[in-house]
Amino acid sequence: MSLLEKTLEDKEELYKLALKYFQNIDAEEYENVKFNTISPKSISILLDHDFIPTPCIEIRLDLYQQEQEFSNCRYILYVDEKKEFVNEFLIFN
């Protein structure tokens, strides 16, 4: 089975995995920020990147504070084909 087929098949599992990793981030990194809503944003297959080993799967979550209409924060998790951790980013806009 190709990486694309496996990614499509495991979409919900991948979003759950990203949420699990996000919830395990060191609280000191964002201690003053509380997120009321976490929404799945996208899943992509990354084929080429300067510093992320590829191919890998990129999973994005949008993070919302209070009653915001638009997300000002994003969590991005990178995993390999075996769903093992590659890298992660918490981005504040």
PDB file of N, CA and C in Angstrom:
ATOM      1  N   MET A   1       0.856  -1.177   0.000  1.00  0.00           N
ATOM      2  CA  MET A   1       0.000   0.000   0.000  1.00  0.00           C
ATOM      3  C   MET A   1       0.902   1.241   0.000  1.00  0.00           C
ATOM      4  N   SER A   2       0.563   2.222  -0.824  1.00  0.00           N
ATOM      5  CA  SER A   2       1.367   3.431  -0.924  1.00  0.00           C
ATOM      6  C   SER A   2       1.143   4.340   0.286  1.00  0.00           C
ATOM      7  N   LEU A   3       2.064   5.273   0.471  1.00  0.00           N
ATOM      8  CA  LEU A   3       1.956   6.228   1.574  1.00  0.00           C
ATOM      9  C   LEU A   3       0.670   7.038   1.449  1.00  0.00           C
ATOM     10  N   LEU A   4       0.311   7.424   0.242  1.00  0.00           N
ATOM     11  CA  LEU A   4      -0.920   8.186   0.030  1.00  0.00           C
ATOM     12  C   LEU A   4      -2.146   7.375   0.440  1.00  0.00           C
ATOM     13  N   GLU A   5      -2.237   6.136   0.006  1.00  0.00           N
ATOM     14  CA  GLU A   5      -3.383   5.289   0.360  1.00  0.00           C
ATOM     15  C   GLU A   5      -3.461   5.071   1.869  1.00  0.00           C
ATOM     16  N   LYS A   6      -2.327   4.819   2.487  1.00  0.00           N
ATOM     17  CA  LYS A   6      -2.296   4.596   3.928  1.00  0.00           C
ATOM     18  C   LYS A   6      -2.705   5.856   4.685  1.00  0.00           C
ATOM     19  N   THR A   7      -2.268   7.015   4.209  1.00  0.00           N
ATOM     20  CA  THR A   7      -2.621   8.283   4.843  1.00  0.00           C
ATOM     21  C   THR A   7      -4.122   8.535   4.746  1.00  0.00           C
ATOM     22  N   LEU A   8      -4.690   8.292   3.583  1.00  0.00           N
ATOM     23  CA  LEU A   8      -6.137   8.468   3.413  1.00  0.00           C
ATOM     24  C   LEU A   8      -6.921   7.525   4.314  1.00  0.00           C
ATOM     25  N   GLU A   9      -6.447   6.313   4.420  1.00  0.00           N
ATOM     26  CA  GLU A   9      -7.125   5.303   5.239  1.00  0.00           C
ATOM     27  C   GLU A   9      -7.052   5.638   6.735  1.00  0.00           C
ATOM     28  N   ASP A  10      -5.958   6.231   7.170  1.00  0.00           N
ATOM     29  CA  ASP A  10      -5.717   6.486   8.595  1.00  0.00           C
ATOM     30  C   ASP A  10      -5.947   7.938   9.006  1.00  0.00           C
ATOM     31  N   LYS A  11      -6.704   8.680   8.241  1.00  0.00           N
ATOM     32  CA  LYS A  11      -6.888  10.118   8.476  1.00  0.00           C
ATOM     33  C   LYS A  11      -7.305  10.435   9.913  1.00  0.00           C
ATOM     34  N   GLU A  12      -8.339   9.829  10.412  1.00  0.00           N
ATOM     35  CA  GLU A  12      -8.819  10.123  11.767  1.00  0.00           C
ATOM     36  C   GLU A  12      -7.792   9.731  12.828  1.00  0.00           C
ATOM     37  N   GLU A  13      -7.127   8.615  12.607  1.00  0.00           N
ATOM     38  CA  GLU A  13      -6.088   8.165  13.538  1.00  0.00           C
ATOM     39  C   GLU A  13      -4.925   9.166  13.574  1.00  0.00           C
ATOM     40  N   LEU A  14      -4.581   9.735  12.423  1.00  0.00           N
ATOM     41  CA  LEU A  14      -3.504  10.715  12.369  1.00  0.00           C
ATOM     42  C   LEU A  14      -3.868  11.990  13.125  1.00  0.00           C
ATOM     43  N   TYR A  15      -5.114  12.455  12.991  1.00  0.00           N
ATOM     44  CA  TYR A  15      -5.536  13.636  13.745  1.00  0.00           C
ATOM     45  C   TYR A  15      -5.504  13.356  15.250  1.00  0.00           C
ATOM     46  N   LYS A  16      -5.908  12.172  15.650  1.00  0.00           N
ATOM     47  CA  LYS A  16      -5.862  11.806  17.073  1.00  0.00           C
ATOM     48  C   LYS A  16      -4.421  11.753  17.571  1.00  0.00           C
ATOM     49  N   LEU A  17      -3.529  11.251  16.738  1.00  0.00           N
ATOM     50  CA  LEU A  17      -2.116  11.189  17.097  1.00  0.00           C
ATOM     51  C   LEU A  17      -1.555  12.599  17.292  1.00  0.00           C
ATOM     52  N   ALA A  18      -1.888  13.520  16.399  1.00  0.00           N
ATOM     53  CA  ALA A  18      -1.425  14.913  16.525  1.00  0.00           C
ATOM     54  C   ALA A  18      -1.956  15.536  17.806  1.00  0.00           C
ATOM     55  N   LEU A  19      -3.211  15.285  18.122  1.00  0.00           N
ATOM     56  CA  LEU A  19      -3.800  15.823  19.350  1.00  0.00           C
ATOM     57  C   LEU A  19      -3.081  15.264  20.575  1.00  0.00           C
ATOM     58  N   LYS A  20      -2.768  13.988  20.541  1.00  0.00           N
ATOM     59  CA  LYS A  20      -2.047  13.357  21.657  1.00  0.00           C
ATOM     60  C   LYS A  20      -0.679  14.001  21.849  1.00  0.00           C
ATOM     61  N   TYR A  21       0.065  14.185  20.767  1.00  0.00           N
ATOM     62  CA  TYR A  21       1.374  14.831  20.867  1.00  0.00           C
ATOM     63  C   TYR A  21       1.231  16.274  21.346  1.00  0.00           C
ATOM     64  N   PHE A  22       0.238  16.994  20.834  1.00  0.00           N
ATOM     65  CA  PHE A  22       0.035  18.381  21.265  1.00  0.00           C
ATOM     66  C   PHE A  22      -0.226  18.447  22.769  1.00  0.00           C
ATOM     67  N   GLN A  23      -1.033  17.551  23.283  1.00  0.00           N
ATOM     68  CA  GLN A  23      -1.366  17.570  24.712  1.00  0.00           C
ATOM     69  C   GLN A  23      -0.172  17.206  25.587  1.00  0.00           C
ATOM     70  N   ASN A  24       0.872  16.640  24.998  1.00  0.00           N
ATOM     71  CA  ASN A  24       2.072  16.278  25.756  1.00  0.00           C
ATOM     72  C   ASN A  24       3.189  17.315  25.664  1.00  0.00           C
ATOM     73  N   ILE A  25       2.915  18.444  25.007  1.00  0.00           N
ATOM     74  CA  ILE A  25       3.920  19.511  24.941  1.00  0.00           C
ATOM     75  C   ILE A  25       4.148  20.048  26.348  1.00  0.00           C
ATOM     76  N   ASP A  26       5.380  20.401  26.635  1.00  0.00           N
ATOM     77  CA  ASP A  26       5.735  20.986  27.924  1.00  0.00           C
ATOM     78  C   ASP A  26       4.897  22.248  28.157  1.00  0.00           C
ATOM     79  N   ALA A  27       4.131  22.263  29.226  1.00  0.00           N
ATOM     80  CA  ALA A  27       3.208  23.371  29.518  1.00  0.00           C
ATOM     81  C   ALA A  27       3.927  24.707  29.650  1.00  0.00           C
ATOM     82  N   GLU A  28       5.180  24.713  30.039  1.00  0.00           N
ATOM     83  CA  GLU A  28       5.920  25.969  30.170  1.00  0.00           C
ATOM     84  C   GLU A  28       6.081  26.680  28.835  1.00  0.00           C
ATOM     85  N   GLU A  29       6.033  25.938  27.741  1.00  0.00           N
ATOM     86  CA  GLU A  29       6.178  26.550  26.423  1.00  0.00           C
ATOM     87  C   GLU A  29       5.011  27.461  26.079  1.00  0.00           C
ATOM     88  N   TYR A  30       3.861  27.183  26.608  1.00  0.00           N
ATOM     89  CA  TYR A  30       2.693  28.028  26.315  1.00  0.00           C
ATOM     90  C   TYR A  30       1.830  28.201  27.561  1.00  0.00           C
ATOM     91  N   GLU A  31       2.446  28.422  28.714  1.00  0.00           N
ATOM     92  CA  GLU A  31       1.740  28.461  29.994  1.00  0.00           C
ATOM     93  C   GLU A  31       0.673  29.547  30.080  1.00  0.00           C
ATOM     94  N   ASN A  32       0.847  30.664  29.393  1.00  0.00           N
ATOM     95  CA  ASN A  32      -0.124  31.755  29.483  1.00  0.00           C
ATOM     96  C   ASN A  32      -1.195  31.682  28.406  1.00  0.00           C
ATOM     97  N   VAL A  33      -1.166  30.655  27.591  1.00  0.00           N
ATOM     98  CA  VAL A  33      -2.104  30.540  26.488  1.00  0.00           C
ATOM     99  C   VAL A  33      -3.036  29.358  26.726  1.00  0.00           C
ATOM    100  N   LYS A  34      -4.313  29.616  26.693  1.00  0.00           N
ATOM    101  CA  LYS A  34      -5.318  28.561  26.857  1.00  0.00           C
ATOM    102  C   LYS A  34      -6.091  28.418  25.544  1.00  0.00           C
ATOM    103  N   PHE A  35      -6.219  27.193  25.079  1.00  0.00           N
ATOM    104  CA  PHE A  35      -6.937  26.942  23.834  1.00  0.00           C
ATOM    105  C   PHE A  35      -8.275  26.302  24.153  1.00  0.00           C
ATOM    106  N   ASN A  36      -9.346  26.928  23.689  1.00  0.00           N
ATOM    107  CA  ASN A  36     -10.692  26.413  23.916  1.00  0.00           C
ATOM    108  C   ASN A  36     -11.087  25.384  22.867  1.00  0.00           C
ATOM    109  N   THR A  37     -10.585  25.575  21.660  1.00  0.00           N
ATOM    110  CA  THR A  37     -10.966  24.697  20.562  1.00  0.00           C
ATOM    111  C   THR A  37      -9.738  24.283  19.776  1.00  0.00           C
ATOM    112  N   ILE A  38      -9.666  23.017  19.450  1.00  0.00           N
ATOM    113  CA  ILE A  38      -8.608  22.481  18.605  1.00  0.00           C
ATOM    114  C   ILE A  38      -9.292  21.787  17.437  1.00  0.00           C
ATOM    115  N   SER A  39      -9.003  22.256  16.214  1.00  0.00           N
ATOM    116  CA  SER A  39      -9.670  21.722  15.029  1.00  0.00           C
ATOM    117  C   SER A  39      -8.670  21.114  14.061  1.00  0.00           C
ATOM    118  N   PRO A  40      -9.003  19.963  13.503  1.00  0.00           N
ATOM    119  CA  PRO A  40      -8.153  19.406  12.449  1.00  0.00           C
ATOM    120  C   PRO A  40      -8.114  20.370  11.271  1.00  0.00           C
ATOM    121  N   LYS A  41      -6.946  20.591  10.703  1.00  0.00           N
ATOM    122  CA  LYS A  41      -6.805  21.516   9.583  1.00  0.00           C
ATOM    123  C   LYS A  41      -6.482  20.779   8.289  1.00  0.00           C
ATOM    124  N   SER A  42      -5.375  20.020   8.311  1.00  0.00           N
ATOM    125  CA  SER A  42      -4.993  19.329   7.078  1.00  0.00           C
ATOM    126  C   SER A  42      -3.982  18.231   7.357  1.00  0.00           C
ATOM    127  N   ILE A  43      -3.893  17.318   6.406  1.00  0.00           N
ATOM    128  CA  ILE A  43      -2.881  16.268   6.409  1.00  0.00           C
ATOM    129  C   ILE A  43      -2.244  16.292   5.023  1.00  0.00           C
ATOM    130  N   SER A  44      -0.919  16.345   5.016  1.00  0.00           N
ATOM    131  CA  SER A  44      -0.184  16.407   3.751  1.00  0.00           C
ATOM    132  C   SER A  44       0.953  15.397   3.767  1.00  0.00           C
ATOM    133  N   ILE A  45       1.354  15.010   2.593  1.00  0.00           N
ATOM    134  CA  ILE A  45       2.545  14.180   2.462  1.00  0.00           C
ATOM    135  C   ILE A  45       3.672  15.101   2.014  1.00  0.00           C
ATOM    136  N   LEU A  46       4.706  15.146   2.807  1.00  0.00           N
ATOM    137  CA  LEU A  46       5.852  16.010   2.534  1.00  0.00           C
ATOM    138  C   LEU A  46       6.905  15.193   1.798  1.00  0.00           C
ATOM    139  N   LEU A  47       7.225  15.612   0.589  1.00  0.00           N
ATOM    140  CA  LEU A  47       8.164  14.854  -0.240  1.00  0.00           C
ATOM    141  C   LEU A  47       9.576  15.420  -0.233  1.00  0.00           C
ATOM    142  N   ASP A  48       9.691  16.719   0.018  1.00  0.00           N
ATOM    143  CA  ASP A  48      11.000  17.351  -0.014  1.00  0.00           C
ATOM    144  C   ASP A  48      11.010  18.512   0.968  1.00  0.00           C
ATOM    145  N   HIS A  49      12.061  18.583   1.781  1.00  0.00           N
ATOM    146  CA  HIS A  49      12.166  19.661   2.763  1.00  0.00           C
ATOM    147  C   HIS A  49      13.629  19.843   3.120  1.00  0.00           C
ATOM    148  N   ASP A  50      13.995  21.064   3.476  1.00  0.00           N
ATOM    149  CA  ASP A  50      15.395  21.364   3.792  1.00  0.00           C
ATOM    150  C   ASP A  50      15.884  20.681   5.059  1.00  0.00           C
ATOM    151  N   PHE A  51      15.043  20.614   6.106  1.00  0.00           N
ATOM    152  CA  PHE A  51      15.531  20.054   7.365  1.00  0.00           C
ATOM    153  C   PHE A  51      14.626  19.004   7.999  1.00  0.00           C
ATOM    154  N   ILE A  52      13.524  18.658   7.368  1.00  0.00           N
ATOM    155  CA  ILE A  52      12.649  17.581   7.849  1.00  0.00           C
ATOM    156  C   ILE A  52      12.924  16.348   6.985  1.00  0.00           C
ATOM    157  N   PRO A  53      13.238  15.206   7.607  1.00  0.00           N
ATOM    158  CA  PRO A  53      13.451  13.987   6.808  1.00  0.00           C
ATOM    159  C   PRO A  53      12.183  13.615   6.030  1.00  0.00           C
ATOM    160  N   THR A  54      12.342  13.326   4.780  1.00  0.00           N
ATOM    161  CA  THR A  54      11.199  12.995   3.936  1.00  0.00           C
ATOM    162  C   THR A  54      11.402  11.630   3.300  1.00  0.00           C
ATOM    163  N   PRO A  55      10.353  10.986   2.823  1.00  0.00           N
ATOM    164  CA  PRO A  55       8.958  11.425   2.887  1.00  0.00           C
ATOM    165  C   PRO A  55       8.401  11.277   4.295  1.00  0.00           C
ATOM    166  N   CYS A  56       7.465  12.148   4.610  1.00  0.00           N
ATOM    167  CA  CYS A  56       6.791  12.063   5.897  1.00  0.00           C
ATOM    168  C   CYS A  56       5.391  12.659   5.769  1.00  0.00           C
ATOM    169  N   ILE A  57       4.642  12.544   6.835  1.00  0.00           N
ATOM    170  CA  ILE A  57       3.262  13.037   6.871  1.00  0.00           C
ATOM    171  C   ILE A  57       3.222  14.256   7.772  1.00  0.00           C
ATOM    172  N   GLU A  58       2.635  15.334   7.270  1.00  0.00           N
ATOM    173  CA  GLU A  58       2.480  16.573   8.023  1.00  0.00           C
ATOM    174  C   GLU A  58       1.020  16.690   8.450  1.00  0.00           C
ATOM    175  N   ILE A  59       0.789  16.832   9.754  1.00  0.00           N
ATOM    176  CA  ILE A  59      -0.569  16.927  10.290  1.00  0.00           C
ATOM    177  C   ILE A  59      -0.699  18.289  10.970  1.00  0.00           C
ATOM    178  N   ARG A  60      -1.691  19.068  10.563  1.00  0.00           N
ATOM    179  CA  ARG A  60      -1.885  20.416  11.113  1.00  0.00           C
ATOM    180  C   ARG A  60      -3.179  20.496  11.913  1.00  0.00           C
ATOM    181  N   LEU A  61      -3.069  21.158  13.047  1.00  0.00           N
ATOM    182  CA  LEU A  61      -4.232  21.461  13.878  1.00  0.00           C
ATOM    183  C   LEU A  61      -4.312  22.967  14.057  1.00  0.00           C
ATOM    184  N   ASP A  62      -5.498  23.539  13.928  1.00  0.00           N
ATOM    185  CA  ASP A  62      -5.718  24.950  14.245  1.00  0.00           C
ATOM    186  C   ASP A  62      -6.141  25.055  15.696  1.00  0.00           C
ATOM    187  N   LEU A  63      -5.581  26.030  16.398  1.00  0.00           N
ATOM    188  CA  LEU A  63      -5.853  26.227  17.820  1.00  0.00           C
ATOM    189  C   LEU A  63      -6.535  27.576  18.005  1.00  0.00           C
ATOM    190  N   TYR A  64      -7.627  27.575  18.748  1.00  0.00           N
ATOM    191  CA  TYR A  64      -8.415  28.792  18.965  1.00  0.00           C
ATOM    192  C   TYR A  64      -8.440  29.139  20.445  1.00  0.00           C
ATOM    193  N   GLN A  65      -8.315  30.433  20.715  1.00  0.00           N
ATOM    194  CA  GLN A  65      -8.420  30.933  22.079  1.00  0.00           C
ATOM    195  C   GLN A  65      -9.783  31.590  22.236  1.00  0.00           C
ATOM    196  N   GLN A  66     -10.443  31.322  23.329  1.00  0.00           N
ATOM    197  CA  GLN A  66     -11.747  31.890  23.672  1.00  0.00           C
ATOM    198  C   GLN A  66     -12.703  31.800  22.495  1.00  0.00           C
ATOM    199  N   GLU A  67     -13.316  32.901  22.115  1.00  0.00           N
ATOM    200  CA  GLU A  67     -14.342  32.889  21.056  1.00  0.00           C
ATOM    201  C   GLU A  67     -13.822  33.471  19.749  1.00  0.00           C
ATOM    202  N   GLN A  68     -12.602  33.166  19.388  1.00  0.00           N
ATOM    203  CA  GLN A  68     -12.022  33.695  18.160  1.00  0.00           C
ATOM    204  C   GLN A  68     -12.698  33.108  16.934  1.00  0.00           C
ATOM    205  N   GLU A  69     -12.829  33.955  15.915  1.00  0.00           N
ATOM    206  CA  GLU A  69     -13.374  33.491  14.656  1.00  0.00           C
ATOM    207  C   GLU A  69     -12.297  32.796  13.824  1.00  0.00           C
ATOM    208  N   PHE A  70     -11.053  33.313  13.924  1.00  0.00           N
ATOM    209  CA  PHE A  70      -9.930  32.758  13.174  1.00  0.00           C
ATOM    210  C   PHE A  70      -8.854  32.282  14.132  1.00  0.00           C
ATOM    211  N   SER A  71      -8.172  31.250  13.735  1.00  0.00           N
ATOM    212  CA  SER A  71      -7.092  30.702  14.552  1.00  0.00           C
ATOM    213  C   SER A  71      -5.862  31.595  14.459  1.00  0.00           C
ATOM    214  N   ASN A  72      -5.223  31.837  15.596  1.00  0.00           N
ATOM    215  CA  ASN A  72      -3.971  32.584  15.573  1.00  0.00           C
ATOM    216  C   ASN A  72      -2.806  31.690  15.987  1.00  0.00           C
ATOM    217  N   CYS A  73      -3.067  30.412  16.050  1.00  0.00           N
ATOM    218  CA  CYS A  73      -2.039  29.473  16.482  1.00  0.00           C
ATOM    219  C   CYS A  73      -2.233  28.158  15.728  1.00  0.00           C
ATOM    220  N   ARG A  74      -1.101  27.494  15.458  1.00  0.00           N
ATOM    221  CA  ARG A  74      -1.163  26.248  14.701  1.00  0.00           C
ATOM    222  C   ARG A  74      -0.164  25.272  15.300  1.00  0.00           C
ATOM    223  N   TYR A  75      -0.566  24.019  15.373  1.00  0.00           N
ATOM    224  CA  TYR A  75       0.330  22.943  15.791  1.00  0.00           C
ATOM    225  C   TYR A  75       0.559  22.058  14.578  1.00  0.00           C
ATOM    226  N   ILE A  76       1.826  21.765  14.285  1.00  0.00           N
ATOM    227  CA  ILE A  76       2.171  20.924  13.148  1.00  0.00           C
ATOM    228  C   ILE A  76       3.016  19.755  13.650  1.00  0.00           C
ATOM    229  N   LEU A  77       2.576  18.553  13.319  1.00  0.00           N
ATOM    230  CA  LEU A  77       3.294  17.328  13.686  1.00  0.00           C
ATOM    231  C   LEU A  77       3.747  16.632  12.410  1.00  0.00           C
ATOM    232  N   TYR A  78       4.986  16.178  12.424  1.00  0.00           N
ATOM    233  CA  TYR A  78       5.533  15.393  11.325  1.00  0.00           C
ATOM    234  C   TYR A  78       5.805  13.982  11.830  1.00  0.00           C
ATOM    235  N   VAL A  79       5.282  12.992  11.128  1.00  0.00           N
ATOM    236  CA  VAL A  79       5.524  11.589  11.465  1.00  0.00           C
ATOM    237  C   VAL A  79       5.966  10.854  10.199  1.00  0.00           C
ATOM    238  N   ASP A  80       6.681   9.751  10.412  1.00  0.00           N
ATOM    239  CA  ASP A  80       7.107   8.962   9.256  1.00  0.00           C
ATOM    240  C   ASP A  80       6.013   7.965   8.869  1.00  0.00           C
ATOM    241  N   GLU A  81       6.316   7.108   7.933  1.00  0.00           N
ATOM    242  CA  GLU A  81       5.332   6.142   7.434  1.00  0.00           C
ATOM    243  C   GLU A  81       4.823   5.193   8.515  1.00  0.00           C
ATOM    244  N   LYS A  82       5.636   4.977   9.547  1.00  0.00           N
ATOM    245  CA  LYS A  82       5.238   4.091  10.645  1.00  0.00           C
ATOM    246  C   LYS A  82       4.550   4.854  11.775  1.00  0.00           C
ATOM    247  N   LYS A  83       4.244   6.126  11.523  1.00  0.00           N
ATOM    248  CA  LYS A  83       3.595   7.026  12.494  1.00  0.00           C
ATOM    249  C   LYS A  83       4.490   7.304  13.701  1.00  0.00           C
ATOM    250  N   GLU A  84       5.787   7.267  13.466  1.00  0.00           N
ATOM    251  CA  GLU A  84       6.742   7.598  14.516  1.00  0.00           C
ATOM    252  C   GLU A  84       7.129   9.066  14.393  1.00  0.00           C
ATOM    253  N   PHE A  85       7.327   9.701  15.535  1.00  0.00           N
ATOM    254  CA  PHE A  85       7.623  11.123  15.618  1.00  0.00           C
ATOM    255  C   PHE A  85       8.855  11.491  14.793  1.00  0.00           C
ATOM    256  N   VAL A  86       8.738  12.595  14.031  1.00  0.00           N
ATOM    257  CA  VAL A  86       9.857  13.159  13.293  1.00  0.00           C
ATOM    258  C   VAL A  86      10.181  14.545  13.845  1.00  0.00           C
ATOM    259  N   ASN A  87       9.154  15.418  13.938  1.00  0.00           N
ATOM    260  CA  ASN A  87       9.343  16.779  14.439  1.00  0.00           C
ATOM    261  C   ASN A  87       7.980  17.381  14.737  1.00  0.00           C
ATOM    262  N   GLU A  88       7.976  18.517  15.453  1.00  0.00           N
ATOM    263  CA  GLU A  88       6.732  19.218  15.725  1.00  0.00           C
ATOM    264  C   GLU A  88       7.010  20.694  15.882  1.00  0.00           C
ATOM    265  N   PHE A  89       5.993  21.509  15.603  1.00  0.00           N
ATOM    266  CA  PHE A  89       6.090  22.950  15.750  1.00  0.00           C
ATOM    267  C   PHE A  89       4.803  23.482  16.331  1.00  0.00           C
ATOM    268  N   LEU A  90       4.925  24.439  17.242  1.00  0.00           N
ATOM    269  CA  LEU A  90       3.792  25.199  17.754  1.00  0.00           C
ATOM    270  C   LEU A  90       4.016  26.618  17.305  1.00  0.00           C
ATOM    271  N   ILE A  91       3.155  27.117  16.440  1.00  0.00           N
ATOM    272  CA  ILE A  91       3.358  28.416  15.785  1.00  0.00           C
ATOM    273  C   ILE A  91       2.293  29.397  16.264  1.00  0.00           C
ATOM    274  N   PHE A  92       2.754  30.509  16.806  1.00  0.00           N
ATOM    275  CA  PHE A  92       1.863  31.603  17.203  1.00  0.00           C
ATOM    276  C   PHE A  92       1.955  32.699  16.159  1.00  0.00           C
ATOM    277  N   ASN A  93       0.811  33.138  15.641  1.00  0.00           N
ATOM    278  CA  ASN A  93       0.795  34.222  14.640  1.00  0.00           C
ATOM    279  C   ASN A  93       0.647  35.556  15.320  1.00  0.00           C
TER     280      ASN A  93
END
